[in-house]
């Protein structure tokens, strides 16, 4: 597949995942941009951040039509995350490619472990309970 086709398919599939699971597209974007498109971890992460903007805008708009968006919470998380992004970018720039990749993999394992644990326990927690 050409890079244009790969990235087009990636964008479409990430949009579906973002809407279904609220992942924002970052996890599938970064994984696919590194494994399929061949970007470095740092470039994939930075590209993912830029690509999430339109996906988040459309997703928020569509979900708000169903009354599913807590705008106050979204605003607070969004404003606070801006500082975190600045700090995280500085750390990511300072780390070696391999270390950054391992940290991303560890994050995925932690998230997966939490989801598996929750499913095995039969948790039906609401987002505010997590």
N, C-alpha and C. Protein backbone atom coordinates (compact mmCIF):
# COMPACT_ATOMS: atom_id res chain seq x y z
N UNK A 1 0.84 -1.19 0.00
CA UNK A 1 0.00 0.00 0.00
C UNK A 1 0.88 1.25 0.00
N UNK A 2 0.39 2.27 -0.62
CA UNK A 2 1.14 3.51 -0.60
C UNK A 2 0.89 4.24 0.71
N UNK A 3 1.76 5.18 1.03
CA UNK A 3 1.62 5.93 2.29
C UNK A 3 0.30 6.70 2.32
N UNK A 4 -0.12 7.25 1.17
CA UNK A 4 -1.38 7.98 1.12
C UNK A 4 -2.56 7.08 1.45
N UNK A 5 -2.59 5.89 0.88
CA UNK A 5 -3.68 4.94 1.16
C UNK A 5 -3.62 4.49 2.61
N UNK A 6 -2.42 4.17 3.10
CA UNK A 6 -2.26 3.73 4.49
C UNK A 6 -2.76 4.79 5.47
N UNK A 7 -2.36 6.02 5.25
CA UNK A 7 -2.75 7.07 6.18
C UNK A 7 -4.24 7.40 6.06
N UNK A 8 -4.81 7.26 4.87
CA UNK A 8 -6.25 7.48 4.69
C UNK A 8 -7.04 6.41 5.44
N UNK A 9 -6.64 5.16 5.28
CA UNK A 9 -7.31 4.07 5.99
C UNK A 9 -7.13 4.23 7.50
N UNK A 10 -5.92 4.58 7.91
CA UNK A 10 -5.63 4.81 9.33
C UNK A 10 -6.55 5.88 9.90
N UNK A 11 -6.67 6.99 9.21
CA UNK A 11 -7.52 8.07 9.69
C UNK A 11 -8.96 7.63 9.84
N UNK A 12 -9.47 6.91 8.86
CA UNK A 12 -10.86 6.45 8.92
C UNK A 12 -11.07 5.46 10.07
N UNK A 13 -10.18 4.48 10.18
CA UNK A 13 -10.32 3.49 11.26
C UNK A 13 -10.13 4.11 12.64
N UNK A 14 -9.17 5.02 12.76
CA UNK A 14 -8.95 5.69 14.04
C UNK A 14 -10.17 6.52 14.42
N UNK A 15 -10.81 7.12 13.44
CA UNK A 15 -12.04 7.87 13.71
C UNK A 15 -13.14 6.99 14.24
N UNK A 16 -13.27 5.81 13.66
CA UNK A 16 -14.28 4.85 14.16
C UNK A 16 -13.96 4.45 15.60
N UNK A 17 -12.69 4.11 15.87
CA UNK A 17 -12.29 3.73 17.22
C UNK A 17 -12.48 4.87 18.21
N UNK A 18 -12.14 6.08 17.77
CA UNK A 18 -12.29 7.24 18.65
C UNK A 18 -13.75 7.43 19.04
N UNK A 19 -14.64 7.31 18.07
CA UNK A 19 -16.07 7.49 18.35
C UNK A 19 -16.64 6.36 19.19
N UNK A 20 -16.21 5.14 18.92
CA UNK A 20 -16.75 3.99 19.65
C UNK A 20 -16.22 3.89 21.08
N UNK A 21 -14.92 4.15 21.25
CA UNK A 21 -14.28 3.89 22.53
C UNK A 21 -13.75 5.14 23.23
N UNK A 22 -13.84 6.29 22.60
CA UNK A 22 -13.37 7.52 23.21
C UNK A 22 -11.87 7.57 23.38
N UNK A 23 -11.13 6.88 22.50
CA UNK A 23 -9.67 6.86 22.64
C UNK A 23 -9.01 8.05 21.99
N UNK A 24 -9.77 8.90 21.33
CA UNK A 24 -9.20 10.10 20.73
C UNK A 24 -8.36 9.83 19.50
N UNK A 25 -8.16 8.60 19.17
CA UNK A 25 -7.37 8.26 17.99
C UNK A 25 -5.89 8.11 18.26
N UNK A 26 -5.40 8.60 19.40
CA UNK A 26 -3.97 8.60 19.68
C UNK A 26 -3.34 7.23 19.71
N UNK A 27 -3.98 6.29 20.37
CA UNK A 27 -3.38 4.96 20.47
C UNK A 27 -3.30 4.29 19.10
N UNK A 28 -4.39 4.21 18.34
CA UNK A 28 -4.23 3.59 17.02
C UNK A 28 -3.38 4.44 16.06
N UNK A 29 -3.44 5.78 16.18
CA UNK A 29 -2.61 6.63 15.32
C UNK A 29 -1.13 6.33 15.56
N UNK A 30 -0.70 6.40 16.80
CA UNK A 30 0.73 6.23 17.10
C UNK A 30 1.20 4.84 16.71
N UNK A 31 0.44 3.82 17.08
CA UNK A 31 0.85 2.45 16.75
C UNK A 31 0.97 2.26 15.25
N UNK A 32 -0.01 2.70 14.49
CA UNK A 32 0.01 2.50 13.05
C UNK A 32 1.05 3.38 12.36
N UNK A 33 1.21 4.61 12.84
CA UNK A 33 2.21 5.48 12.23
C UNK A 33 3.63 4.94 12.42
N UNK A 34 3.88 4.23 13.52
CA UNK A 34 5.21 3.66 13.72
C UNK A 34 5.33 2.32 13.00
N UNK A 35 4.34 1.45 13.15
CA UNK A 35 4.46 0.09 12.62
C UNK A 35 4.17 -0.02 11.12
N UNK A 36 3.25 0.76 10.61
CA UNK A 36 2.86 0.64 9.21
C UNK A 36 3.50 1.72 8.33
N UNK A 37 3.39 2.96 8.78
CA UNK A 37 3.91 4.07 7.97
C UNK A 37 5.42 4.21 8.12
N UNK A 38 5.95 3.80 9.28
CA UNK A 38 7.40 3.83 9.47
C UNK A 38 7.95 5.09 10.10
N UNK A 39 7.08 5.90 10.71
CA UNK A 39 7.57 7.08 11.40
C UNK A 39 8.28 6.69 12.69
N UNK A 40 9.18 7.53 13.15
CA UNK A 40 9.79 7.30 14.46
C UNK A 40 8.72 7.50 15.53
N UNK A 41 8.98 7.02 16.72
CA UNK A 41 8.02 7.16 17.82
C UNK A 41 7.70 8.63 18.08
N UNK A 42 8.71 9.46 18.13
CA UNK A 42 8.52 10.88 18.40
C UNK A 42 7.70 11.55 17.29
N UNK A 43 8.03 11.25 16.03
CA UNK A 43 7.28 11.83 14.92
C UNK A 43 5.85 11.32 14.89
N UNK A 44 5.65 10.05 15.23
CA UNK A 44 4.29 9.49 15.26
C UNK A 44 3.46 10.17 16.35
N UNK A 45 4.06 10.38 17.51
CA UNK A 45 3.34 11.03 18.60
C UNK A 45 2.97 12.46 18.24
N UNK A 46 3.91 13.19 17.66
CA UNK A 46 3.64 14.58 17.28
C UNK A 46 2.59 14.65 16.17
N UNK A 47 2.69 13.76 15.20
CA UNK A 47 1.72 13.72 14.10
C UNK A 47 0.35 13.35 14.63
N UNK A 48 0.30 12.43 15.57
CA UNK A 48 -0.96 12.02 16.19
C UNK A 48 -1.64 13.18 16.89
N UNK A 49 -0.86 13.98 17.60
CA UNK A 49 -1.44 15.13 18.29
C UNK A 49 -2.10 16.09 17.31
N UNK A 50 -1.45 16.33 16.19
CA UNK A 50 -2.03 17.21 15.18
C UNK A 50 -3.26 16.59 14.52
N UNK A 51 -3.22 15.29 14.30
CA UNK A 51 -4.33 14.61 13.62
C UNK A 51 -5.56 14.48 14.51
N UNK A 52 -5.37 14.52 15.81
CA UNK A 52 -6.49 14.35 16.73
C UNK A 52 -7.41 15.57 16.74
N UNK A 53 -6.88 16.73 16.39
CA UNK A 53 -7.67 17.97 16.45
C UNK A 53 -8.98 17.85 15.66
N UNK A 54 -8.94 17.51 14.36
CA UNK A 54 -10.22 17.41 13.64
C UNK A 54 -11.09 16.25 14.15
N UNK A 55 -10.46 15.14 14.51
CA UNK A 55 -11.24 14.00 15.01
C UNK A 55 -11.95 14.36 16.31
N UNK A 56 -11.25 15.05 17.19
CA UNK A 56 -11.85 15.45 18.47
C UNK A 56 -12.97 16.46 18.25
N UNK A 57 -12.78 17.38 17.32
CA UNK A 57 -13.81 18.39 17.06
C UNK A 57 -15.09 17.74 16.55
N UNK A 58 -14.96 16.86 15.57
CA UNK A 58 -16.15 16.19 15.02
C UNK A 58 -16.77 15.26 16.05
N UNK A 59 -15.93 14.51 16.76
CA UNK A 59 -16.45 13.59 17.78
C UNK A 59 -17.19 14.33 18.89
N UNK A 60 -16.63 15.44 19.33
CA UNK A 60 -17.28 16.23 20.38
C UNK A 60 -18.60 16.79 19.90
N UNK A 61 -18.61 17.30 18.69
CA UNK A 61 -19.83 17.85 18.12
C UNK A 61 -20.92 16.79 18.01
N UNK A 62 -20.55 15.60 17.50
CA UNK A 62 -21.54 14.53 17.34
C UNK A 62 -22.04 14.04 18.70
N UNK A 63 -21.11 13.83 19.64
CA UNK A 63 -21.51 13.34 20.96
C UNK A 63 -22.34 14.37 21.72
N UNK A 64 -22.05 15.66 21.50
CA UNK A 64 -22.82 16.69 22.20
C UNK A 64 -24.27 16.70 21.74
N UNK A 65 -24.51 16.29 20.52
CA UNK A 65 -25.88 16.21 20.01
C UNK A 65 -26.71 15.19 20.79
N UNK A 66 -26.03 14.23 21.41
CA UNK A 66 -26.70 13.23 22.24
C UNK A 66 -26.66 13.59 23.71
N UNK A 67 -26.08 14.73 24.04
CA UNK A 67 -25.98 15.16 25.42
C UNK A 67 -24.93 14.42 26.22
N UNK A 68 -23.93 13.85 25.53
CA UNK A 68 -22.93 13.02 26.20
C UNK A 68 -21.68 13.76 26.64
N UNK A 69 -21.57 15.05 26.35
CA UNK A 69 -20.34 15.79 26.67
C UNK A 69 -20.54 16.62 27.93
N UNK A 70 -19.64 16.47 28.87
CA UNK A 70 -19.61 17.33 30.04
C UNK A 70 -18.63 18.47 29.70
N UNK A 71 -19.17 19.60 29.22
CA UNK A 71 -18.34 20.68 28.71
C UNK A 71 -17.45 21.28 29.79
N UNK A 72 -17.94 21.36 31.00
CA UNK A 72 -17.13 21.91 32.10
C UNK A 72 -15.90 21.02 32.34
N UNK A 73 -16.15 19.72 32.43
CA UNK A 73 -15.04 18.78 32.63
C UNK A 73 -14.09 18.80 31.45
N UNK A 74 -14.65 18.82 30.24
CA UNK A 74 -13.81 18.85 29.03
C UNK A 74 -12.93 20.10 29.01
N UNK A 75 -13.51 21.22 29.36
CA UNK A 75 -12.74 22.46 29.37
C UNK A 75 -11.62 22.43 30.39
N UNK A 76 -11.93 21.95 31.58
CA UNK A 76 -10.92 21.88 32.64
C UNK A 76 -9.80 20.91 32.26
N UNK A 77 -10.16 19.73 31.78
CA UNK A 77 -9.15 18.75 31.37
C UNK A 77 -8.32 19.31 30.21
N UNK A 78 -8.99 19.94 29.25
CA UNK A 78 -8.29 20.48 28.09
C UNK A 78 -7.29 21.56 28.46
N UNK A 79 -7.71 22.49 29.29
CA UNK A 79 -6.80 23.58 29.69
C UNK A 79 -5.63 23.02 30.49
N UNK A 80 -5.92 22.14 31.43
CA UNK A 80 -4.84 21.57 32.25
C UNK A 80 -3.91 20.69 31.43
N UNK A 81 -4.45 20.00 30.43
CA UNK A 81 -3.60 19.13 29.63
C UNK A 81 -2.62 19.92 28.77
N UNK A 82 -2.94 21.17 28.47
CA UNK A 82 -2.02 21.98 27.66
C UNK A 82 -0.66 22.10 28.34
N UNK A 83 -0.66 22.31 29.64
CA UNK A 83 0.60 22.35 30.38
C UNK A 83 1.29 21.01 30.38
N UNK A 84 0.50 19.96 30.51
CA UNK A 84 1.06 18.61 30.47
C UNK A 84 1.68 18.28 29.13
N UNK A 85 1.06 18.74 28.06
CA UNK A 85 1.61 18.51 26.72
C UNK A 85 2.95 19.20 26.57
N UNK A 86 3.04 20.42 27.07
CA UNK A 86 4.31 21.15 26.98
C UNK A 86 5.41 20.40 27.75
N UNK A 87 5.09 19.95 28.95
CA UNK A 87 6.07 19.21 29.75
C UNK A 87 6.40 17.87 29.11
N UNK A 88 5.37 17.17 28.64
CA UNK A 88 5.57 15.86 28.01
C UNK A 88 6.41 15.94 26.75
N UNK A 89 6.22 17.01 25.98
CA UNK A 89 7.02 17.19 24.77
C UNK A 89 8.49 17.36 25.11
N UNK A 90 8.77 18.12 26.15
CA UNK A 90 10.17 18.31 26.57
C UNK A 90 10.79 16.99 27.00
N UNK A 91 10.04 16.19 27.75
CA UNK A 91 10.55 14.88 28.19
C UNK A 91 10.75 13.96 26.99
N UNK A 92 9.75 13.92 26.08
CA UNK A 92 9.85 13.05 24.90
C UNK A 92 11.05 13.41 24.04
N UNK A 93 11.32 14.70 23.89
CA UNK A 93 12.48 15.15 23.11
C UNK A 93 13.79 14.73 23.75
N UNK A 94 13.81 14.63 25.08
CA UNK A 94 15.04 14.29 25.80
C UNK A 94 15.32 12.79 25.83
N UNK A 95 14.29 11.97 25.58
CA UNK A 95 14.46 10.52 25.67
C UNK A 95 14.94 9.92 24.35
N UNK A 96 15.64 8.82 24.46
CA UNK A 96 16.04 8.07 23.27
C UNK A 96 14.81 7.40 22.67
N UNK A 97 14.86 7.15 21.36
CA UNK A 97 13.75 6.52 20.64
C UNK A 97 13.30 5.22 21.31
N UNK A 98 14.24 4.37 21.66
CA UNK A 98 13.91 3.08 22.28
C UNK A 98 13.21 3.25 23.62
N UNK A 99 13.67 4.18 24.41
CA UNK A 99 13.05 4.43 25.72
C UNK A 99 11.62 4.94 25.54
N UNK A 100 11.43 5.83 24.60
CA UNK A 100 10.11 6.37 24.33
C UNK A 100 9.15 5.28 23.87
N UNK A 101 9.64 4.41 23.01
CA UNK A 101 8.83 3.28 22.54
C UNK A 101 8.46 2.34 23.69
N UNK A 102 9.42 2.04 24.55
CA UNK A 102 9.15 1.16 25.69
C UNK A 102 8.14 1.79 26.65
N UNK A 103 8.25 3.09 26.88
CA UNK A 103 7.29 3.76 27.75
C UNK A 103 5.88 3.73 27.15
N UNK A 104 5.78 3.92 25.84
CA UNK A 104 4.48 3.84 25.17
C UNK A 104 3.91 2.43 25.30
N UNK A 105 4.74 1.42 25.09
CA UNK A 105 4.30 0.03 25.23
C UNK A 105 3.86 -0.24 26.67
N UNK A 106 4.60 0.26 27.65
CA UNK A 106 4.22 0.06 29.05
C UNK A 106 2.87 0.70 29.35
N UNK A 107 2.64 1.89 28.80
CA UNK A 107 1.35 2.54 28.98
C UNK A 107 0.23 1.68 28.40
N UNK A 108 0.44 1.14 27.21
CA UNK A 108 -0.58 0.28 26.60
C UNK A 108 -0.84 -0.96 27.46
N UNK A 109 0.23 -1.57 27.99
CA UNK A 109 0.05 -2.74 28.86
C UNK A 109 -0.71 -2.39 30.13
N UNK A 110 -0.40 -1.25 30.73
CA UNK A 110 -1.10 -0.83 31.94
C UNK A 110 -2.59 -0.61 31.67
N UNK A 111 -2.89 0.05 30.58
CA UNK A 111 -4.29 0.29 30.21
C UNK A 111 -4.99 -1.04 29.94
N UNK A 112 -4.34 -1.91 29.18
CA UNK A 112 -4.93 -3.22 28.88
C UNK A 112 -5.14 -4.02 30.15
N UNK A 113 -4.16 -4.01 31.04
CA UNK A 113 -4.29 -4.74 32.31
C UNK A 113 -5.45 -4.24 33.14
N UNK A 114 -5.61 -2.94 33.19
CA UNK A 114 -6.72 -2.34 33.95
C UNK A 114 -8.06 -2.74 33.35
N UNK A 115 -8.15 -2.74 32.03
CA UNK A 115 -9.39 -3.13 31.37
C UNK A 115 -9.70 -4.61 31.58
N UNK A 116 -8.68 -5.46 31.47
CA UNK A 116 -8.89 -6.89 31.69
C UNK A 116 -9.32 -7.14 33.14
N UNK A 117 -8.62 -6.52 34.09
CA UNK A 117 -8.96 -6.68 35.51
C UNK A 117 -10.41 -6.26 35.77
N UNK A 118 -10.78 -5.14 35.22
CA UNK A 118 -12.13 -4.62 35.40
C UNK A 118 -13.17 -5.58 34.79
N UNK A 119 -12.88 -6.10 33.61
CA UNK A 119 -13.81 -7.02 32.94
C UNK A 119 -13.92 -8.33 33.71
N UNK A 120 -12.82 -8.85 34.21
CA UNK A 120 -12.85 -10.11 34.96
C UNK A 120 -13.60 -9.97 36.28
N UNK A 121 -13.50 -8.80 36.90
CA UNK A 121 -14.20 -8.55 38.15
C UNK A 121 -15.67 -8.27 37.91
N UNK A 122 -16.02 -8.04 36.67
CA UNK A 122 -17.41 -7.73 36.35
C UNK A 122 -17.78 -6.31 36.70
N UNK A 123 -16.78 -5.43 36.76
CA UNK A 123 -17.04 -4.02 37.06
C UNK A 123 -17.98 -3.42 36.01
N UNK A 124 -18.96 -2.76 36.49
CA UNK A 124 -19.81 -1.99 35.58
C UNK A 124 -19.72 -0.53 36.00
N UNK A 125 -18.49 -0.12 36.35
CA UNK A 125 -18.26 1.23 36.85
C UNK A 125 -18.61 2.27 35.81
N UNK A 126 -19.15 3.35 36.28
CA UNK A 126 -19.36 4.49 35.42
C UNK A 126 -18.04 5.25 35.35
N UNK A 127 -17.86 6.09 34.35
CA UNK A 127 -16.58 6.83 34.25
C UNK A 127 -16.21 7.58 35.52
N UNK A 128 -17.19 8.08 36.27
CA UNK A 128 -16.88 8.84 37.48
C UNK A 128 -16.38 7.92 38.60
N UNK A 129 -16.62 6.62 38.48
CA UNK A 129 -16.17 5.67 39.50
C UNK A 129 -14.76 5.18 39.25
N UNK A 130 -14.22 5.39 38.06
CA UNK A 130 -12.91 4.83 37.70
C UNK A 130 -11.81 5.67 38.29
